[in-house]
């Protein structure tokens, strides 16, 4: 099952409607972690190969990603791993669209040609309850039971993957999807 743009809607809505009985009921009925695939957006998931993930991510953007290659070490290993850090160029204050909302910031990190990190910022309509009504239950079913919920953020964690969605106010939402183990191990960047 694809983790489509529904991630955004459900996550956003969880932030402001978190105390709603309907949301709590949907969360209790959500699948357990062992029933889920890796986290991601649309057809893109963490661990996807660079060529496939790049095409899917570019489809969200107004202009193709701008990427900088590099090398890094992971943890205490002496091997140099190939990295690629990608961002998007804004056009009239936005870099693209995700779930019919303005995508205002975008970055992706690939390590050894695999997607390891996505960081997005969206400018939404701010009507989180309407978004939840339309897509919330589907999103919760895609990501399972949140591990942490608060008034300003929701976090999912499984097998080293992590998603954090944070309400930045005024309809702005930050989405951070990462392979936590790889991103913590990145320590020494070089050219």
N, C-alpha and C. Protein backbone atom coordinates (compact mmCIF):
# COMPACT_ATOMS: atom_id res chain seq x y z
N UNK A 1 0.85 -1.18 0.00
CA UNK A 1 0.00 0.00 0.00
C UNK A 1 0.89 1.24 0.00
N UNK A 2 0.59 2.19 -0.83
CA UNK A 2 1.39 3.39 -0.93
C UNK A 2 1.10 4.33 0.22
N UNK A 3 2.14 4.95 0.74
CA UNK A 3 1.96 6.01 1.72
C UNK A 3 1.87 7.31 0.94
N UNK A 4 0.68 7.58 0.48
CA UNK A 4 0.47 8.72 -0.39
C UNK A 4 0.43 10.00 0.40
N UNK A 5 0.04 11.02 -0.26
CA UNK A 5 -0.04 12.33 0.36
C UNK A 5 -0.94 12.33 1.58
N UNK A 6 -1.60 11.22 1.84
CA UNK A 6 -2.47 11.13 3.01
C UNK A 6 -1.69 11.36 4.29
N UNK A 7 -0.42 11.04 4.31
CA UNK A 7 0.42 11.28 5.49
C UNK A 7 0.26 12.70 5.95
N UNK A 8 0.37 13.60 5.01
CA UNK A 8 0.30 15.01 5.34
C UNK A 8 -1.03 15.37 6.00
N UNK A 9 -2.11 15.01 5.37
CA UNK A 9 -3.42 15.41 5.88
C UNK A 9 -3.68 14.85 7.26
N UNK A 10 -3.48 13.56 7.44
CA UNK A 10 -3.78 12.96 8.72
C UNK A 10 -2.87 13.50 9.80
N UNK A 11 -1.63 13.62 9.49
CA UNK A 11 -0.68 14.10 10.48
C UNK A 11 -1.00 15.52 10.90
N UNK A 12 -1.28 16.34 9.93
CA UNK A 12 -1.62 17.73 10.22
C UNK A 12 -2.83 17.79 11.12
N UNK A 13 -3.79 17.00 10.78
CA UNK A 13 -5.03 17.06 11.53
C UNK A 13 -4.89 16.50 12.91
N UNK A 14 -4.03 15.53 13.08
CA UNK A 14 -3.80 14.99 14.42
C UNK A 14 -3.29 16.08 15.35
N UNK A 15 -2.58 17.03 14.79
CA UNK A 15 -1.99 18.08 15.61
C UNK A 15 -3.04 18.91 16.31
N UNK A 16 -4.10 19.25 15.63
CA UNK A 16 -5.09 20.15 16.23
C UNK A 16 -6.35 19.44 16.69
N UNK A 17 -6.59 18.27 16.17
CA UNK A 17 -7.82 17.57 16.55
C UNK A 17 -7.46 16.40 17.45
N UNK A 18 -6.24 16.36 17.96
CA UNK A 18 -5.73 15.23 18.72
C UNK A 18 -6.62 14.78 19.86
N UNK A 19 -7.33 15.69 20.48
CA UNK A 19 -8.17 15.31 21.59
C UNK A 19 -9.53 14.79 21.17
N UNK A 20 -9.83 14.84 19.90
CA UNK A 20 -11.13 14.43 19.40
C UNK A 20 -11.31 12.92 19.58
N UNK A 21 -12.46 12.49 20.09
CA UNK A 21 -12.76 11.08 20.30
C UNK A 21 -12.68 10.27 19.02
N UNK A 22 -13.09 10.84 17.91
CA UNK A 22 -13.06 10.15 16.62
C UNK A 22 -11.62 9.82 16.24
N UNK A 23 -10.68 10.75 16.46
CA UNK A 23 -9.28 10.52 16.14
C UNK A 23 -8.71 9.42 17.03
N UNK A 24 -9.03 9.49 18.32
CA UNK A 24 -8.55 8.46 19.24
C UNK A 24 -9.07 7.09 18.85
N UNK A 25 -10.32 7.00 18.45
CA UNK A 25 -10.90 5.73 18.00
C UNK A 25 -10.19 5.21 16.76
N UNK A 26 -9.92 6.11 15.80
CA UNK A 26 -9.20 5.73 14.58
C UNK A 26 -7.79 5.24 14.91
N UNK A 27 -7.12 5.91 15.87
CA UNK A 27 -5.77 5.51 16.25
C UNK A 27 -5.76 4.12 16.88
N UNK A 28 -6.75 3.83 17.72
CA UNK A 28 -6.82 2.52 18.36
C UNK A 28 -7.05 1.41 17.34
N UNK A 29 -7.74 1.72 16.25
CA UNK A 29 -8.02 0.73 15.22
C UNK A 29 -6.90 0.63 14.17
N UNK A 30 -5.88 1.46 14.29
CA UNK A 30 -4.78 1.48 13.30
C UNK A 30 -3.98 0.19 13.38
N UNK A 31 -3.34 -0.20 12.27
CA UNK A 31 -2.53 -1.42 12.27
C UNK A 31 -1.29 -1.28 13.14
N UNK A 32 -0.77 -2.42 13.59
CA UNK A 32 0.47 -2.43 14.35
C UNK A 32 1.65 -2.25 13.39
N UNK A 33 2.81 -1.88 13.93
CA UNK A 33 4.00 -1.62 13.12
C UNK A 33 4.37 -2.78 12.21
N UNK A 34 4.22 -4.02 12.69
CA UNK A 34 4.64 -5.18 11.89
C UNK A 34 3.78 -5.38 10.64
N UNK A 35 2.69 -4.66 10.52
CA UNK A 35 1.82 -4.75 9.35
C UNK A 35 2.10 -3.65 8.33
N UNK A 36 3.06 -2.78 8.62
CA UNK A 36 3.30 -1.61 7.78
C UNK A 36 4.58 -1.75 6.98
N UNK A 37 4.64 -1.03 5.85
CA UNK A 37 5.83 -0.92 5.04
C UNK A 37 6.64 0.27 5.56
N UNK A 38 7.71 0.62 4.87
CA UNK A 38 8.54 1.76 5.29
C UNK A 38 7.80 3.08 5.07
N UNK A 39 8.22 4.11 5.80
CA UNK A 39 7.60 5.42 5.69
C UNK A 39 8.02 6.13 4.41
N UNK A 40 7.17 7.04 3.95
CA UNK A 40 7.47 7.82 2.77
C UNK A 40 6.28 8.64 2.32
N UNK A 41 6.38 9.20 1.12
CA UNK A 41 5.31 9.97 0.50
C UNK A 41 5.01 9.40 -0.86
N UNK A 42 3.77 9.41 -1.26
CA UNK A 42 3.36 8.90 -2.57
C UNK A 42 4.00 7.54 -2.81
N UNK A 43 4.59 7.37 -3.97
CA UNK A 43 5.21 6.09 -4.31
C UNK A 43 6.64 6.00 -3.78
N UNK A 44 7.11 7.05 -3.11
CA UNK A 44 8.48 7.10 -2.59
C UNK A 44 8.51 6.67 -1.14
N UNK A 45 9.44 5.74 -0.85
CA UNK A 45 9.61 5.29 0.53
C UNK A 45 11.09 5.32 0.88
N UNK A 46 11.38 5.44 2.16
CA UNK A 46 12.76 5.36 2.60
C UNK A 46 13.35 4.05 2.11
N UNK A 47 14.60 4.10 1.67
CA UNK A 47 15.27 2.91 1.15
C UNK A 47 15.13 2.74 -0.35
N UNK A 48 14.24 3.52 -1.00
CA UNK A 48 14.09 3.42 -2.45
C UNK A 48 15.37 3.87 -3.14
N UNK A 49 15.66 3.27 -4.28
CA UNK A 49 16.84 3.61 -5.07
C UNK A 49 16.73 5.04 -5.61
N UNK A 50 17.86 5.69 -5.79
CA UNK A 50 17.94 7.09 -6.20
C UNK A 50 17.17 7.37 -7.49
N UNK A 51 17.34 6.53 -8.51
CA UNK A 51 16.70 6.79 -9.81
C UNK A 51 15.18 6.83 -9.68
N UNK A 52 14.59 5.86 -9.03
CA UNK A 52 13.13 5.81 -8.87
C UNK A 52 12.63 6.90 -7.93
N UNK A 53 13.29 7.05 -6.80
CA UNK A 53 12.86 8.05 -5.82
C UNK A 53 12.99 9.46 -6.41
N UNK A 54 14.07 9.71 -7.16
CA UNK A 54 14.28 11.03 -7.75
C UNK A 54 13.16 11.41 -8.70
N UNK A 55 12.72 10.47 -9.52
CA UNK A 55 11.61 10.75 -10.45
C UNK A 55 10.34 11.09 -9.69
N UNK A 56 10.04 10.32 -8.66
CA UNK A 56 8.82 10.56 -7.88
C UNK A 56 8.88 11.90 -7.14
N UNK A 57 10.04 12.23 -6.59
CA UNK A 57 10.18 13.49 -5.87
C UNK A 57 10.14 14.68 -6.82
N UNK A 58 10.80 14.55 -7.97
CA UNK A 58 10.76 15.64 -8.95
C UNK A 58 9.34 15.93 -9.42
N UNK A 59 8.48 14.92 -9.43
CA UNK A 59 7.09 15.11 -9.85
C UNK A 59 6.32 16.04 -8.90
N UNK A 60 6.79 16.15 -7.66
CA UNK A 60 6.14 17.04 -6.68
C UNK A 60 6.60 18.49 -6.84
N UNK A 61 7.73 18.69 -7.50
CA UNK A 61 8.38 19.99 -7.52
C UNK A 61 8.13 20.78 -8.79
N UNK A 62 8.21 22.11 -8.67
CA UNK A 62 8.06 23.00 -9.82
C UNK A 62 9.26 22.91 -10.75
N UNK A 63 10.44 22.75 -10.17
CA UNK A 63 11.69 22.59 -10.92
C UNK A 63 12.39 21.35 -10.38
N UNK A 64 13.21 20.68 -11.20
CA UNK A 64 13.91 19.49 -10.71
C UNK A 64 14.79 19.79 -9.49
N UNK A 65 15.01 18.76 -8.67
CA UNK A 65 15.86 18.89 -7.50
C UNK A 65 17.26 19.34 -7.91
N UNK A 66 17.89 20.12 -7.06
CA UNK A 66 19.28 20.51 -7.21
C UNK A 66 20.08 19.69 -6.21
N UNK A 67 20.99 18.86 -6.69
CA UNK A 67 21.69 17.92 -5.80
C UNK A 67 23.19 18.15 -5.79
N UNK A 68 23.77 17.96 -4.61
CA UNK A 68 25.21 18.07 -4.43
C UNK A 68 25.74 16.73 -3.94
N UNK A 69 26.64 16.12 -4.71
CA UNK A 69 27.23 14.85 -4.27
C UNK A 69 28.29 15.09 -3.20
N UNK A 70 28.54 14.06 -2.43
CA UNK A 70 29.57 14.14 -1.39
C UNK A 70 29.94 12.75 -0.92
N UNK A 71 30.78 12.71 0.07
CA UNK A 71 31.18 11.45 0.70
C UNK A 71 31.11 11.64 2.19
N UNK A 72 30.87 10.57 2.90
CA UNK A 72 30.80 10.65 4.35
C UNK A 72 31.17 9.31 4.95
N UNK A 73 31.49 9.33 6.21
CA UNK A 73 31.69 8.10 6.96
C UNK A 73 30.42 7.80 7.73
N UNK A 74 30.21 6.57 8.08
CA UNK A 74 29.07 6.18 8.91
C UNK A 74 29.60 5.58 10.20
N UNK A 75 29.30 6.23 11.30
CA UNK A 75 29.76 5.72 12.58
C UNK A 75 31.28 5.63 12.62
N UNK A 76 31.80 4.51 13.13
CA UNK A 76 33.24 4.33 13.26
C UNK A 76 33.85 3.59 12.09
N UNK A 77 33.06 3.29 11.07
CA UNK A 77 33.59 2.57 9.91
C UNK A 77 34.48 3.50 9.10
N UNK A 78 35.53 2.95 8.53
CA UNK A 78 36.49 3.75 7.78
C UNK A 78 36.11 3.91 6.31
N UNK A 79 35.08 3.26 5.87
CA UNK A 79 34.65 3.36 4.47
C UNK A 79 34.00 4.72 4.21
N UNK A 80 34.27 5.28 3.03
CA UNK A 80 33.61 6.52 2.62
C UNK A 80 32.36 6.15 1.84
N UNK A 81 31.23 6.63 2.28
CA UNK A 81 29.95 6.37 1.63
C UNK A 81 29.58 7.55 0.74
N UNK A 82 29.00 7.26 -0.41
CA UNK A 82 28.56 8.29 -1.34
C UNK A 82 27.24 8.87 -0.85
N UNK A 83 27.16 10.19 -0.79
CA UNK A 83 25.93 10.87 -0.39
C UNK A 83 25.50 11.83 -1.48
N UNK A 84 24.25 12.24 -1.40
CA UNK A 84 23.73 13.26 -2.29
C UNK A 84 22.67 14.04 -1.50
N UNK A 85 22.91 15.34 -1.34
CA UNK A 85 21.96 16.21 -0.64
C UNK A 85 21.24 17.04 -1.69
N UNK A 86 19.91 16.95 -1.68
CA UNK A 86 19.10 17.62 -2.70
C UNK A 86 18.15 18.63 -2.06
N UNK A 87 17.95 19.73 -2.76
CA UNK A 87 17.00 20.76 -2.35
C UNK A 87 16.18 21.16 -3.57
N UNK A 88 15.24 22.05 -3.35
CA UNK A 88 14.39 22.53 -4.44
C UNK A 88 14.46 24.05 -4.52
N UNK A 89 14.36 24.57 -5.73
CA UNK A 89 14.41 26.01 -5.98
C UNK A 89 13.00 26.59 -5.90
N UNK A 90 12.79 27.61 -5.06
CA UNK A 90 11.46 28.21 -4.96
C UNK A 90 11.08 29.01 -6.21
N UNK A 91 9.80 28.95 -6.56
CA UNK A 91 9.22 29.75 -7.61
C UNK A 91 8.00 30.43 -6.99
N UNK A 92 8.06 31.76 -6.88
CA UNK A 92 6.98 32.52 -6.24
C UNK A 92 6.66 32.00 -4.83
N UNK A 93 7.70 31.72 -4.05
CA UNK A 93 7.51 31.32 -2.66
C UNK A 93 7.19 29.87 -2.41
N UNK A 94 7.13 29.07 -3.45
CA UNK A 94 6.88 27.65 -3.22
C UNK A 94 7.75 26.82 -4.16
N UNK A 95 8.05 25.60 -3.72
CA UNK A 95 8.91 24.72 -4.52
C UNK A 95 8.10 23.67 -5.26
N UNK A 96 6.81 23.55 -4.91
CA UNK A 96 5.96 22.58 -5.58
C UNK A 96 4.65 22.43 -4.83
N UNK A 97 4.00 21.29 -5.06
CA UNK A 97 2.72 20.99 -4.40
C UNK A 97 2.73 19.57 -3.88
N UNK A 98 2.17 19.42 -2.71
CA UNK A 98 1.97 18.10 -2.12
C UNK A 98 0.55 18.08 -1.58
N UNK A 99 -0.25 17.17 -2.07
CA UNK A 99 -1.65 17.04 -1.68
C UNK A 99 -2.40 18.37 -1.83
N UNK A 100 -2.20 19.00 -2.95
CA UNK A 100 -2.84 20.28 -3.27
C UNK A 100 -2.53 21.39 -2.27
N UNK A 101 -1.47 21.23 -1.52
CA UNK A 101 -1.02 22.28 -0.60
C UNK A 101 0.33 22.78 -1.11
N UNK A 102 0.67 24.02 -0.78
CA UNK A 102 1.94 24.60 -1.22
C UNK A 102 3.10 23.96 -0.47
N UNK A 103 4.05 23.47 -1.22
CA UNK A 103 5.29 22.93 -0.66
C UNK A 103 6.28 24.09 -0.69
N UNK A 104 6.65 24.60 0.50
CA UNK A 104 7.48 25.80 0.55
C UNK A 104 8.96 25.51 0.81
N UNK A 105 9.27 24.30 1.25
CA UNK A 105 10.66 23.92 1.50
C UNK A 105 10.77 22.42 1.28
N UNK A 106 11.93 21.99 0.73
CA UNK A 106 12.12 20.58 0.42
C UNK A 106 13.60 20.23 0.48
N UNK A 107 13.93 19.13 1.12
CA UNK A 107 15.28 18.58 1.05
C UNK A 107 15.19 17.06 1.14
N UNK A 108 16.14 16.41 0.47
CA UNK A 108 16.22 14.95 0.48
C UNK A 108 17.68 14.55 0.58
N UNK A 109 17.96 13.47 1.28
CA UNK A 109 19.31 12.95 1.40
C UNK A 109 19.33 11.51 0.94
N UNK A 110 20.28 11.22 0.07
CA UNK A 110 20.51 9.85 -0.40
C UNK A 110 21.88 9.40 0.11
N UNK A 111 21.97 8.18 0.60
CA UNK A 111 23.24 7.59 1.01
C UNK A 111 23.36 6.28 0.26
N UNK A 112 24.48 6.13 -0.47
CA UNK A 112 24.71 4.95 -1.29
C UNK A 112 23.51 4.68 -2.20
N UNK A 113 23.00 5.75 -2.84
CA UNK A 113 21.90 5.69 -3.80
C UNK A 113 20.57 5.22 -3.21
N UNK A 114 20.40 5.37 -1.91
CA UNK A 114 19.11 5.04 -1.28
C UNK A 114 18.60 6.26 -0.53
N UNK A 115 17.29 6.50 -0.63
CA UNK A 115 16.67 7.62 0.07
C UNK A 115 16.70 7.35 1.57
N UNK A 116 17.29 8.29 2.31
CA UNK A 116 17.42 8.14 3.77
C UNK A 116 16.73 9.24 4.55
N UNK A 117 16.40 10.36 3.88
CA UNK A 117 15.81 11.48 4.63
C UNK A 117 15.02 12.40 3.70
N UNK A 118 13.85 12.81 4.15
CA UNK A 118 13.03 13.82 3.48
C UNK A 118 12.62 14.85 4.52
N UNK A 119 12.77 16.10 4.17
CA UNK A 119 12.30 17.17 5.06
C UNK A 119 11.51 18.15 4.21
N UNK A 120 10.27 18.39 4.61
CA UNK A 120 9.35 19.22 3.84
C UNK A 120 8.70 20.25 4.75
N UNK A 121 8.32 21.37 4.15
CA UNK A 121 7.50 22.34 4.86
C UNK A 121 6.37 22.73 3.93
N UNK A 122 5.17 22.74 4.47
CA UNK A 122 4.00 23.05 3.67
C UNK A 122 3.25 24.24 4.25
N UNK A 123 2.62 24.97 3.36
CA UNK A 123 1.69 26.02 3.75
C UNK A 123 0.31 25.49 3.41
N UNK A 124 -0.42 25.06 4.42
CA UNK A 124 -1.74 24.46 4.21
C UNK A 124 -2.83 25.52 4.35
N UNK A 125 -4.04 25.08 4.07
CA UNK A 125 -5.19 25.97 4.24
C UNK A 125 -5.41 26.30 5.71
N UNK A 126 -4.90 25.45 6.59
CA UNK A 126 -5.10 25.64 8.02
C UNK A 126 -6.38 25.02 8.53
N UNK A 127 -7.21 24.48 7.64
CA UNK A 127 -8.46 23.84 8.05
C UNK A 127 -8.18 22.34 8.28
N UNK A 128 -7.54 22.04 9.41
CA UNK A 128 -7.12 20.68 9.71
C UNK A 128 -8.29 19.72 9.89
N UNK A 129 -9.38 20.20 10.44
CA UNK A 129 -10.52 19.31 10.65
C UNK A 129 -11.10 18.84 9.32
N UNK A 130 -11.19 19.73 8.34
CA UNK A 130 -11.69 19.33 7.02
C UNK A 130 -10.73 18.35 6.35
N UNK A 131 -9.43 18.56 6.52
CA UNK A 131 -8.45 17.63 5.97
C UNK A 131 -8.58 16.25 6.62
N UNK A 132 -8.79 16.25 7.93
CA UNK A 132 -8.95 14.97 8.61
C UNK A 132 -10.21 14.25 8.13
N UNK A 133 -11.29 15.00 7.98
CA UNK A 133 -12.54 14.40 7.51
C UNK A 133 -12.33 13.69 6.17
N UNK A 134 -11.50 14.27 5.31
CA UNK A 134 -11.30 13.73 3.98
C UNK A 134 -10.31 12.56 3.95
N UNK A 135 -9.21 12.66 4.71
CA UNK A 135 -8.14 11.68 4.57
C UNK A 135 -7.56 11.13 5.87
N UNK A 136 -7.96 11.63 6.99
CA UNK A 136 -7.32 11.28 8.26
C UNK A 136 -7.26 9.81 8.59
N UNK A 137 -8.38 9.12 8.48
CA UNK A 137 -8.41 7.71 8.85
C UNK A 137 -7.49 6.89 7.95
N UNK A 138 -7.44 7.23 6.67
CA UNK A 138 -6.54 6.53 5.74
C UNK A 138 -5.09 6.72 6.17
N UNK A 139 -4.73 7.93 6.59
CA UNK A 139 -3.34 8.21 6.98
C UNK A 139 -2.97 7.43 8.22
N UNK A 140 -3.83 7.45 9.18
CA UNK A 140 -3.56 6.70 10.40
C UNK A 140 -3.40 5.23 10.08
N UNK A 141 -4.21 4.71 9.17
CA UNK A 141 -4.07 3.32 8.77
C UNK A 141 -2.76 3.06 8.05
N UNK A 142 -2.24 4.04 7.33
CA UNK A 142 -0.96 3.88 6.62
C UNK A 142 0.24 3.93 7.56
N UNK A 143 0.18 4.75 8.60
CA UNK A 143 1.32 4.93 9.50
C UNK A 143 1.16 4.23 10.83
N UNK A 144 -0.02 3.71 11.08
CA UNK A 144 -0.22 2.98 12.32
C UNK A 144 -0.44 3.91 13.49
N UNK A 145 -0.24 3.35 14.64
CA UNK A 145 -0.45 4.10 15.87
C UNK A 145 0.75 5.02 16.11
N UNK A 146 0.50 6.30 16.30
CA UNK A 146 1.60 7.21 16.59
C UNK A 146 2.28 6.82 17.89
N UNK A 147 3.58 7.02 17.93
CA UNK A 147 4.33 6.72 19.15
C UNK A 147 4.27 7.86 20.15
N UNK A 148 4.17 9.08 19.63
CA UNK A 148 4.06 10.26 20.49
C UNK A 148 3.10 11.25 19.84
N UNK A 149 2.19 11.78 20.62
CA UNK A 149 1.32 12.83 20.11
C UNK A 149 1.32 13.98 21.11
N UNK A 150 1.29 15.17 20.59
CA UNK A 150 1.23 16.36 21.43
C UNK A 150 0.35 17.39 20.74
N UNK A 151 0.26 18.53 21.33
CA UNK A 151 -0.58 19.57 20.74
C UNK A 151 0.06 20.17 19.50
N UNK A 152 1.39 20.06 19.36
CA UNK A 152 2.07 20.66 18.22
C UNK A 152 2.77 19.65 17.30
N UNK A 153 2.82 18.37 17.70
CA UNK A 153 3.53 17.41 16.84
C UNK A 153 3.03 15.98 17.05
N UNK A 154 3.32 15.16 16.05
CA UNK A 154 3.00 13.74 16.08
C UNK A 154 4.24 13.01 15.59
N UNK A 155 4.58 11.88 16.24
CA UNK A 155 5.78 11.13 15.84
C UNK A 155 5.45 9.64 15.71
N UNK A 156 5.96 9.05 14.62
CA UNK A 156 5.88 7.62 14.39
C UNK A 156 7.31 7.08 14.34
N UNK A 157 7.55 5.90 14.91
CA UNK A 157 8.86 5.26 14.86
C UNK A 157 8.68 3.78 14.62
N UNK A 158 9.52 3.23 13.71
CA UNK A 158 9.52 1.79 13.51
C UNK A 158 10.80 1.37 12.81
N UNK A 159 11.40 0.30 13.25
CA UNK A 159 12.57 -0.29 12.63
C UNK A 159 13.58 0.73 12.13
N UNK A 160 13.87 1.71 12.93
CA UNK A 160 14.86 2.71 12.56
C UNK A 160 14.31 3.88 11.75
N UNK A 161 13.10 3.76 11.22
CA UNK A 161 12.48 4.87 10.49
C UNK A 161 11.70 5.74 11.47
N UNK A 162 11.63 7.02 11.14
CA UNK A 162 10.92 7.94 12.02
C UNK A 162 10.25 9.02 11.18
N UNK A 163 9.03 9.38 11.56
CA UNK A 163 8.31 10.50 10.95
C UNK A 163 7.91 11.45 12.06
N UNK A 164 8.20 12.73 11.87
CA UNK A 164 7.74 13.75 12.80
C UNK A 164 7.01 14.80 11.98
N UNK A 165 5.80 15.11 12.40
CA UNK A 165 5.01 16.17 11.77
C UNK A 165 4.76 17.21 12.84
N UNK A 166 5.12 18.44 12.52
CA UNK A 166 5.02 19.51 13.50
C UNK A 166 4.22 20.67 12.95
N UNK A 167 3.30 21.16 13.75
CA UNK A 167 2.51 22.34 13.41
C UNK A 167 3.35 23.57 13.77
N UNK A 168 3.70 24.37 12.76
CA UNK A 168 4.52 25.56 12.98
C UNK A 168 3.67 26.82 13.16
N UNK A 169 2.34 26.66 13.09
CA UNK A 169 1.44 27.81 13.23
C UNK A 169 1.08 28.43 11.90
N UNK A 170 -0.02 29.12 11.86
CA UNK A 170 -0.52 29.80 10.66
C UNK A 170 -0.64 28.87 9.46
N UNK A 171 -0.99 27.59 9.70
CA UNK A 171 -1.17 26.63 8.62
C UNK A 171 0.12 26.03 8.10
N UNK A 172 1.26 26.41 8.67
CA UNK A 172 2.56 25.86 8.25
C UNK A 172 2.82 24.55 8.98
N UNK A 173 3.24 23.56 8.20
CA UNK A 173 3.49 22.23 8.76
C UNK A 173 4.83 21.71 8.27
N UNK A 174 5.64 21.21 9.20
CA UNK A 174 6.93 20.60 8.85
C UNK A 174 6.78 19.09 8.94
N UNK A 175 7.31 18.38 7.93
CA UNK A 175 7.27 16.92 7.88
C UNK A 175 8.72 16.45 7.74
N UNK A 176 9.16 15.61 8.67
CA UNK A 176 10.53 15.08 8.65
C UNK A 176 10.44 13.56 8.66
N UNK A 177 10.91 12.93 7.58
CA UNK A 177 10.87 11.47 7.42
C UNK A 177 12.30 10.99 7.27
N UNK A 178 12.76 10.13 8.17
CA UNK A 178 14.16 9.73 8.06
C UNK A 178 14.41 8.30 8.51
N UNK A 179 15.49 7.74 7.96
CA UNK A 179 16.04 6.52 8.49
C UNK A 179 16.92 6.99 9.63
N UNK A 180 16.42 6.91 10.82
CA UNK A 180 17.06 7.49 11.99
C UNK A 180 18.46 6.91 12.21
N UNK A 181 18.62 5.62 12.01
CA UNK A 181 19.91 4.98 12.24
C UNK A 181 20.97 5.53 11.30
N UNK A 182 20.65 5.65 10.02
CA UNK A 182 21.63 6.16 9.05
C UNK A 182 21.91 7.64 9.31
N UNK A 183 20.88 8.43 9.54
CA UNK A 183 21.08 9.86 9.71
C UNK A 183 21.88 10.17 10.98
N UNK A 184 21.73 9.37 12.03
CA UNK A 184 22.52 9.58 13.24
C UNK A 184 23.96 9.15 13.02
N UNK A 185 24.17 8.16 12.15
CA UNK A 185 25.52 7.65 11.92
C UNK A 185 26.34 8.55 11.00
N UNK A 186 25.68 9.38 10.19
CA UNK A 186 26.44 10.29 9.32
C UNK A 186 27.23 11.23 10.21
N UNK A 187 28.53 11.24 10.04
CA UNK A 187 29.28 12.08 10.97
C UNK A 187 30.35 12.93 10.33
N UNK A 188 30.94 12.52 9.27
CA UNK A 188 32.05 13.30 8.73
C UNK A 188 31.86 13.49 7.24
N UNK A 189 31.44 14.68 6.85
CA UNK A 189 31.22 14.96 5.44
C UNK A 189 32.49 15.52 4.83
N UNK A 190 32.78 15.06 3.64
CA UNK A 190 33.93 15.56 2.90
C UNK A 190 33.56 15.67 1.43
N UNK A 191 34.44 16.20 0.62
CA UNK A 191 34.15 16.31 -0.81
C UNK A 191 34.81 15.24 -1.55
